PDB file of N, CA and C in Angstrom:
ATOM      1  N   MET A   1      12.282   6.230   6.862  1.00  0.00           N
ATOM      2  CA  MET A   1      11.270   5.391   6.393  1.00  0.00           C
ATOM      3  C   MET A   1      11.989   4.765   4.939  1.00  0.00           C
ATOM      4  N   ASN A   2      11.367   3.684   5.051  1.00  0.00           N
ATOM      5  CA  ASN A   2      11.539   3.090   3.472  1.00  0.00           C
ATOM      6  C   ASN A   2      10.226   3.187   2.539  1.00  0.00           C
ATOM      7  N   LYS A   3      10.678   3.232   1.346  1.00  0.00           N
ATOM      8  CA  LYS A   3       9.649   3.599   0.388  1.00  0.00           C
ATOM      9  C   LYS A   3       8.770   2.297   0.263  1.00  0.00           C
ATOM     10  N   ALA A   4       7.881   2.650  -0.183  1.00  0.00           N
ATOM     11  CA  ALA A   4       6.582   1.300  -0.267  1.00  0.00           C
ATOM     12  C   ALA A   4       6.369   1.487  -1.684  1.00  0.00           C
ATOM     13  N   TYR A   5       6.232   0.281  -2.394  1.00  0.00           N
ATOM     14  CA  TYR A   5       5.802   0.272  -4.169  1.00  0.00           C
ATOM     15  C   TYR A   5       4.662  -0.922  -4.092  1.00  0.00           C
ATOM     16  N   ASP A   6       4.173  -1.019  -5.113  1.00  0.00           N
ATOM     17  CA  ASP A   6       3.098  -1.787  -5.362  1.00  0.00           C
ATOM     18  C   ASP A   6       3.691  -3.015  -6.158  1.00  0.00           C
ATOM     19  N   ARG A   7       2.865  -4.117  -6.666  1.00  0.00           N
ATOM     20  CA  ARG A   7       3.186  -5.250  -7.410  1.00  0.00           C
ATOM     21  C   ARG A   7       3.935  -4.666  -8.584  1.00  0.00           C
ATOM     22  N   TYR A   8       3.901  -3.907  -9.123  1.00  0.00           N
ATOM     23  CA  TYR A   8       4.524  -3.456 -10.203  1.00  0.00           C
ATOM     24  C   TYR A   8       5.489  -2.462 -10.214  1.00  0.00           C
ATOM     25  N   ARG A   9       6.265  -2.385  -9.132  1.00  0.00           N
ATOM     26  CA  ARG A   9       7.156  -1.519  -8.435  1.00  0.00           C
ATOM     27  C   ARG A   9       7.042  -0.179  -8.659  1.00  0.00           C
ATOM     28  N   ASN A  10       5.764   0.233  -8.543  1.00  0.00           N
ATOM     29  CA  ASN A  10       4.863   2.033  -9.115  1.00  0.00           C
ATOM     30  C   ASN A  10       5.109   2.505  -7.240  1.00  0.00           C
ATOM     31  N   PRO A  11       5.596   3.544  -7.238  1.00  0.00           N
ATOM     32  CA  PRO A  11       6.182   3.937  -5.767  1.00  0.00           C
ATOM     33  C   PRO A  11       4.535   4.627  -5.023  1.00  0.00           C
ATOM     34  N   LEU A  12       4.190   3.954  -3.985  1.00  0.00           N
ATOM     35  CA  LEU A  12       3.108   4.187  -3.074  1.00  0.00           C
ATOM     36  C   LEU A  12       2.854   5.356  -2.160  1.00  0.00           C
ATOM     37  N   ASP A  13       2.238   6.472  -2.034  1.00  0.00           N
ATOM     38  CA  ASP A  13       2.322   7.356  -1.161  1.00  0.00           C
ATOM     39  C   ASP A  13       0.790   7.802  -0.664  1.00  0.00           C
ATOM     40  N   ASN A  14       0.657   8.561   0.640  1.00  0.00           N
ATOM     41  CA  ASN A  14      -0.509   8.990   0.891  1.00  0.00           C
ATOM     42  C   ASN A  14      -1.107   9.399   0.145  1.00  0.00           C
ATOM     43  N   GLY A  15      -2.440   9.370  -0.063  1.00  0.00           N
ATOM     44  CA  GLY A  15      -3.290   9.881  -1.097  1.00  0.00           C
ATOM     45  C   GLY A  15      -3.426   9.195  -2.658  1.00  0.00           C
ATOM     46  N   CYS A  16      -2.837   8.236  -2.559  1.00  0.00           N
ATOM     47  CA  CYS A  16      -2.704   7.012  -4.206  1.00  0.00           C
ATOM     48  C   CYS A  16      -4.138   6.412  -4.025  1.00  0.00           C
ATOM     49  N   ARG A  17      -4.693   6.547  -5.141  1.00  0.00           N
ATOM     50  CA  ARG A  17      -5.641   5.476  -5.174  1.00  0.00           C
ATOM     51  C   ARG A  17      -4.969   3.773  -5.764  1.00  0.00           C
ATOM     52  N   VAL A  18      -5.665   2.855  -5.141  1.00  0.00           N
ATOM     53  CA  VAL A  18      -5.122   1.577  -5.052  1.00  0.00           C
ATOM     54  C   VAL A  18      -5.976   0.420  -5.397  1.00  0.00           C
ATOM     55  N   MET A  19      -5.881  -0.654  -5.993  1.00  0.00           N
ATOM     56  CA  MET A  19      -6.968  -1.594  -6.126  1.00  0.00           C
ATOM     57  C   MET A  19      -6.112  -2.381  -5.411  1.00  0.00           C
ATOM     58  N   GLN A  20      -6.971  -3.710  -4.705  1.00  0.00           N
ATOM     59  CA  GLN A  20      -6.005  -5.079  -4.008  1.00  0.00           C
ATOM     60  C   GLN A  20      -6.569  -5.921  -5.203  1.00  0.00           C
ATOM     61  N   ASP A  21      -5.179  -6.746  -5.334  1.00  0.00           N
ATOM     62  CA  ASP A  21      -5.249  -8.001  -6.061  1.00  0.00           C
ATOM     63  C   ASP A  21      -6.234  -9.399  -5.424  1.00  0.00           C
ATOM     64  N   GLY A  22      -7.150  -9.717  -6.262  1.00  0.00           N
ATOM     65  CA  GLY A  22      -7.982 -10.773  -5.915  1.00  0.00           C
ATOM     66  C   GLY A  22      -9.326  -9.957  -5.677  1.00  0.00           C
ATOM     67  N   SER A  23      -9.382  -9.269  -4.522  1.00  0.00           N
ATOM     68  CA  SER A  23     -10.708  -9.085  -4.267  1.00  0.00           C
ATOM     69  C   SER A  23     -11.025  -7.631  -5.052  1.00  0.00           C
ATOM     70  N   GLY A  24     -10.228  -7.048  -5.654  1.00  0.00           N
ATOM     71  CA  GLY A  24     -10.762  -5.826  -6.491  1.00  0.00           C
ATOM     72  C   GLY A  24     -11.170  -4.684  -5.720  1.00  0.00           C
ATOM     73  N   LEU A  25     -11.006  -4.586  -4.425  1.00  0.00           N
ATOM     74  CA  LEU A  25     -11.395  -3.756  -3.407  1.00  0.00           C
ATOM     75  C   LEU A  25     -10.457  -2.194  -3.717  1.00  0.00           C
ATOM     76  N   VAL A  26     -11.082  -1.355  -3.997  1.00  0.00           N
ATOM     77  CA  VAL A  26     -10.589  -0.173  -4.423  1.00  0.00           C
ATOM     78  C   VAL A  26     -10.432   0.961  -3.427  1.00  0.00           C
ATOM     79  N   GLY A  27      -9.385   1.505  -3.168  1.00  0.00           N
ATOM     80  CA  GLY A  27      -9.628   2.677  -1.838  1.00  0.00           C
ATOM     81  C   GLY A  27      -8.318   3.577  -2.246  1.00  0.00           C
ATOM     82  N   THR A  28      -8.166   4.754  -0.978  1.00  0.00           N
ATOM     83  CA  THR A  28      -7.141   5.390  -0.868  1.00  0.00           C
ATOM     84  C   THR A  28      -6.099   5.516   0.186  1.00  0.00           C
ATOM     85  N   ILE A  29      -5.086   5.312  -0.313  1.00  0.00           N
ATOM     86  CA  ILE A  29      -3.962   4.958   1.136  1.00  0.00           C
ATOM     87  C   ILE A  29      -4.201   6.264   2.036  1.00  0.00           C
ATOM     88  N   ALA A  30      -4.153   5.961   3.617  1.00  0.00           N
ATOM     89  CA  ALA A  30      -4.460   7.021   4.482  1.00  0.00           C
ATOM     90  C   ALA A  30      -2.944   7.063   4.916  1.00  0.00           C
ATOM     91  N   ALA A  31      -2.276   5.938   5.285  1.00  0.00           N
ATOM     92  CA  ALA A  31      -1.070   5.924   5.723  1.00  0.00           C
ATOM     93  C   ALA A  31      -0.164   4.654   5.366  1.00  0.00           C
ATOM     94  N   ILE A  32       1.015   4.830   5.467  1.00  0.00           N
ATOM     95  CA  ILE A  32       1.871   4.027   5.288  1.00  0.00           C
ATOM     96  C   ILE A  32       2.628   3.664   6.316  1.00  0.00           C
ATOM     97  N   HIS A  33       2.633   2.681   7.372  1.00  0.00           N
ATOM     98  CA  HIS A  33       3.496   2.399   8.541  1.00  0.00           C
ATOM     99  C   HIS A  33       4.303   1.461   8.334  1.00  0.00           C
ATOM    100  N   ALA A  34       5.707   1.969   8.181  1.00  0.00           N
ATOM    101  CA  ALA A  34       6.800   1.362   7.691  1.00  0.00           C
ATOM    102  C   ALA A  34       7.669   2.068   8.345  1.00  0.00           C
ATOM    103  N   GLU A  35       7.800   2.590   9.229  1.00  0.00           N
ATOM    104  CA  GLU A  35       8.797   3.140  10.181  1.00  0.00           C
ATOM    105  C   GLU A  35       9.718   2.026  11.129  1.00  0.00           C
ATOM    106  N   ASN A  36       9.494   1.030  11.228  1.00  0.00           N
ATOM    107  CA  ASN A  36      10.084   0.208  11.583  1.00  0.00           C
ATOM    108  C   ASN A  36      10.572  -1.069  11.149  1.00  0.00           C
ATOM    109  N   LEU A  37      10.631  -1.106   9.849  1.00  0.00           N
ATOM    110  CA  LEU A  37      10.746  -2.176   9.039  1.00  0.00           C
ATOM    111  C   LEU A  37      12.049  -1.852   8.082  1.00  0.00           C
ATOM    112  N   GLN A  38      12.519  -3.270   7.879  1.00  0.00           N
ATOM    113  CA  GLN A  38      13.942  -3.032   7.239  1.00  0.00           C
ATOM    114  C   GLN A  38      13.547  -2.959   5.584  1.00  0.00           C
ATOM    115  N   ARG A  39      14.173  -2.337   4.798  1.00  0.00           N
ATOM    116  CA  ARG A  39      13.811  -1.776   3.390  1.00  0.00           C
ATOM    117  C   ARG A  39      13.551  -3.346   2.706  1.00  0.00           C
ATOM    118  N   LYS A  40      13.764  -4.467   2.924  1.00  0.00           N
ATOM    119  CA  LYS A  40      13.294  -5.571   1.830  1.00  0.00           C
ATOM    120  C   LYS A  40      12.121  -6.283   2.809  1.00  0.00           C
ATOM    121  N   GLU A  41      11.696  -5.855   4.185  1.00  0.00           N
ATOM    122  CA  GLU A  41      10.362  -6.369   4.625  1.00  0.00           C
ATOM    123  C   GLU A  41       9.439  -5.401   4.452  1.00  0.00           C
ATOM    124  N   VAL A  42       9.353  -4.455   3.608  1.00  0.00           N
ATOM    125  CA  VAL A  42       8.206  -3.319   3.411  1.00  0.00           C
ATOM    126  C   VAL A  42       7.391  -3.936   2.490  1.00  0.00           C
ATOM    127  N   ARG A  43       8.013  -4.668   1.409  1.00  0.00           N
ATOM    128  CA  ARG A  43       6.738  -5.063   0.395  1.00  0.00           C
ATOM    129  C   ARG A  43       6.230  -6.009   0.449  1.00  0.00           C
ATOM    130  N   ARG A  44       6.494  -7.138   1.984  1.00  0.00           N
ATOM    131  CA  ARG A  44       5.749  -8.152   2.213  1.00  0.00           C
ATOM    132  C   ARG A  44       5.043  -8.073   3.496  1.00  0.00           C
ATOM    133  N   ALA A  45       5.114  -6.785   4.256  1.00  0.00           N
ATOM    134  CA  ALA A  45       4.689  -6.608   5.742  1.00  0.00           C
ATOM    135  C   ALA A  45       3.066  -5.995   5.449  1.00  0.00           C
ATOM    136  N   LYS A  46       2.282  -6.217   6.262  1.00  0.00           N
ATOM    137  CA  LYS A  46       1.039  -5.373   6.164  1.00  0.00           C
ATOM    138  C   LYS A  46       0.946  -4.176   6.789  1.00  0.00           C
ATOM    139  N   CYS A  47       1.576  -3.160   5.795  1.00  0.00           N
ATOM    140  CA  CYS A  47       1.624  -1.945   6.473  1.00  0.00           C
ATOM    141  C   CYS A  47       1.126  -0.852   6.012  1.00  0.00           C
ATOM    142  N   VAL A  48       0.210  -0.920   5.138  1.00  0.00           N
ATOM    143  CA  VAL A  48      -0.722  -0.073   4.109  1.00  0.00           C
ATOM    144  C   VAL A  48      -1.968   0.029   4.789  1.00  0.00           C
ATOM    145  N   GLU A  49      -2.418   1.257   5.261  1.00  0.00           N
ATOM    146  CA  GLU A  49      -4.041   1.410   5.470  1.00  0.00           C
ATOM    147  C   GLU A  49      -4.464   2.429   4.817  1.00  0.00           C
ATOM    148  N   LEU A  50      -5.627   1.665   4.138  1.00  0.00           N
ATOM    149  CA  LEU A  50      -6.773   2.389   3.322  1.00  0.00           C
ATOM    150  C   LEU A  50      -7.828   3.233   4.199  1.00  0.00           C
ATOM    151  N   GLN A  51      -8.382   4.246   3.419  1.00  0.00           N
ATOM    152  CA  GLN A  51      -9.329   5.060   4.228  1.00  0.00           C
ATOM    153  C   GLN A  51     -10.454   4.247   3.912  1.00  0.00           C
ATOM    154  N   GLY A  52     -11.319   4.546   5.408  1.00  0.00           N
ATOM    155  CA  GLY A  52     -12.943   3.644   5.318  1.00  0.00           C
ATOM    156  C   GLY A  52     -12.527   2.021   5.256  1.00  0.00           C
ATOM    157  N   VAL A  53     -11.550   1.434   5.271  1.00  0.00           N
ATOM    158  CA  VAL A  53     -11.247   0.105   5.371  1.00  0.00           C
ATOM    159  C   VAL A  53     -10.637  -0.327   6.580  1.00  0.00           C
ATOM    160  N   SER A  54     -11.167  -1.396   7.228  1.00  0.00           N
ATOM    161  CA  SER A  54     -10.505  -1.842   8.174  1.00  0.00           C
ATOM    162  C   SER A  54      -9.443  -2.974   7.897  1.00  0.00           C
ATOM    163  N   GLY A  55      -8.094  -3.042   8.909  1.00  0.00           N
ATOM    164  CA  GLY A  55      -7.157  -3.960   8.387  1.00  0.00           C
ATOM    165  C   GLY A  55      -5.996  -3.223   7.759  1.00  0.00           C
ATOM    166  N   TYR A  56      -5.003  -4.121   7.634  1.00  0.00           N
ATOM    167  CA  TYR A  56      -3.749  -3.448   6.682  1.00  0.00           C
ATOM    168  C   TYR A  56      -3.668  -4.309   5.637  1.00  0.00           C
ATOM    169  N   PHE A  57      -2.697  -3.847   4.689  1.00  0.00           N
ATOM    170  CA  PHE A  57      -2.536  -4.714   3.458  1.00  0.00           C
ATOM    171  C   PHE A  57      -1.106  -4.470   2.873  1.00  0.00           C
ATOM    172  N   ALA A  58      -0.686  -5.662   2.538  1.00  0.00           N
ATOM    173  CA  ALA A  58       0.885  -5.574   2.153  1.00  0.00           C
ATOM    174  C   ALA A  58       0.984  -4.620   0.854  1.00  0.00           C
ATOM    175  N   PRO A  59       2.050  -3.899   0.606  1.00  0.00           N
ATOM    176  CA  PRO A  59       2.435  -3.101  -0.463  1.00  0.00           C
ATOM    177  C   PRO A  59       2.250  -4.158  -1.835  1.00  0.00           C
ATOM    178  N   GLN A  60       2.839  -5.586  -1.724  1.00  0.00           N
ATOM    179  CA  GLN A  60       2.845  -6.345  -2.797  1.00  0.00           C
ATOM    180  C   GLN A  60       1.316  -6.740  -3.101  1.00  0.00           C
ATOM    181  N   GLU A  61       0.344  -6.569  -2.697  1.00  0.00           N
ATOM    182  CA  GLU A  61      -0.976  -7.317  -3.076  1.00  0.00           C
ATOM    183  C   GLU A  61      -1.639  -5.941  -3.637  1.00  0.00           C
ATOM    184  N   LEU A  62      -1.008  -4.728  -3.580  1.00  0.00           N
ATOM    185  CA  LEU A  62      -1.795  -3.718  -4.278  1.00  0.00           C
ATOM    186  C   LEU A  62      -1.344  -3.317  -5.557  1.00  0.00           C
ATOM    187  N   MET A  63      -2.084  -2.719  -6.170  1.00  0.00           N
ATOM    188  CA  MET A  63      -1.945  -1.856  -7.596  1.00  0.00           C
ATOM    189  C   MET A  63      -2.355  -0.281  -7.726  1.00  0.00           C
ATOM    190  N   ARG A  64      -1.384   0.152  -7.915  1.00  0.00           N
ATOM    191  CA  ARG A  64      -1.655   1.804  -8.104  1.00  0.00           C
ATOM    192  C   ARG A  64      -2.471   1.936  -9.390  1.00  0.00           C
ATOM    193  N   LEU A  65      -3.404   2.843  -8.930  1.00  0.00           N
ATOM    194  CA  LEU A  65      -4.352   3.297 -10.031  1.00  0.00           C
ATOM    195  C   LEU A  65      -4.140   4.866 -10.149  1.00  0.00           C
ATOM    196  N   GLY A  66      -3.522   5.494  -9.458  1.00  0.00           N
ATOM    197  CA  GLY A  66      -3.116   7.259  -9.529  1.00  0.00           C
ATOM    198  C   GLY A  66      -3.339   7.907  -8.424  1.00  0.00           C
ATOM    199  N   ARG A  67      -3.466   9.110  -8.333  1.00  0.00           N
ATOM    200  CA  ARG A  67      -3.651  10.215  -7.492  1.00  0.00           C
ATOM    201  C   ARG A  67      -4.861  10.624  -7.364  1.00  0.00           C
ATOM    202  N   SER A  68      -6.065  10.493  -6.009  1.00  0.00           N
ATOM    203  CA  SER A  68      -7.017  11.240  -5.701  1.00  0.00           C
ATOM    204  C   SER A  68      -6.741  12.618  -5.826  1.00  0.00           C
TER     205      SER A  68
END
């Protein structure tokens, strides 16, 4: 599995608190679904799942806030 990085190249892992650029939505990463993606595709693919939020987000639209 390839590593996912936020818009500032900070590594993203399960349990990281992140904020979505634009909307200001804050959440905790539940899972990163990047198993079948090429390394260069992970950054733009909507593969990050947040706890309690429907839908997926691309790592490049997220900003890491820290660990929860």
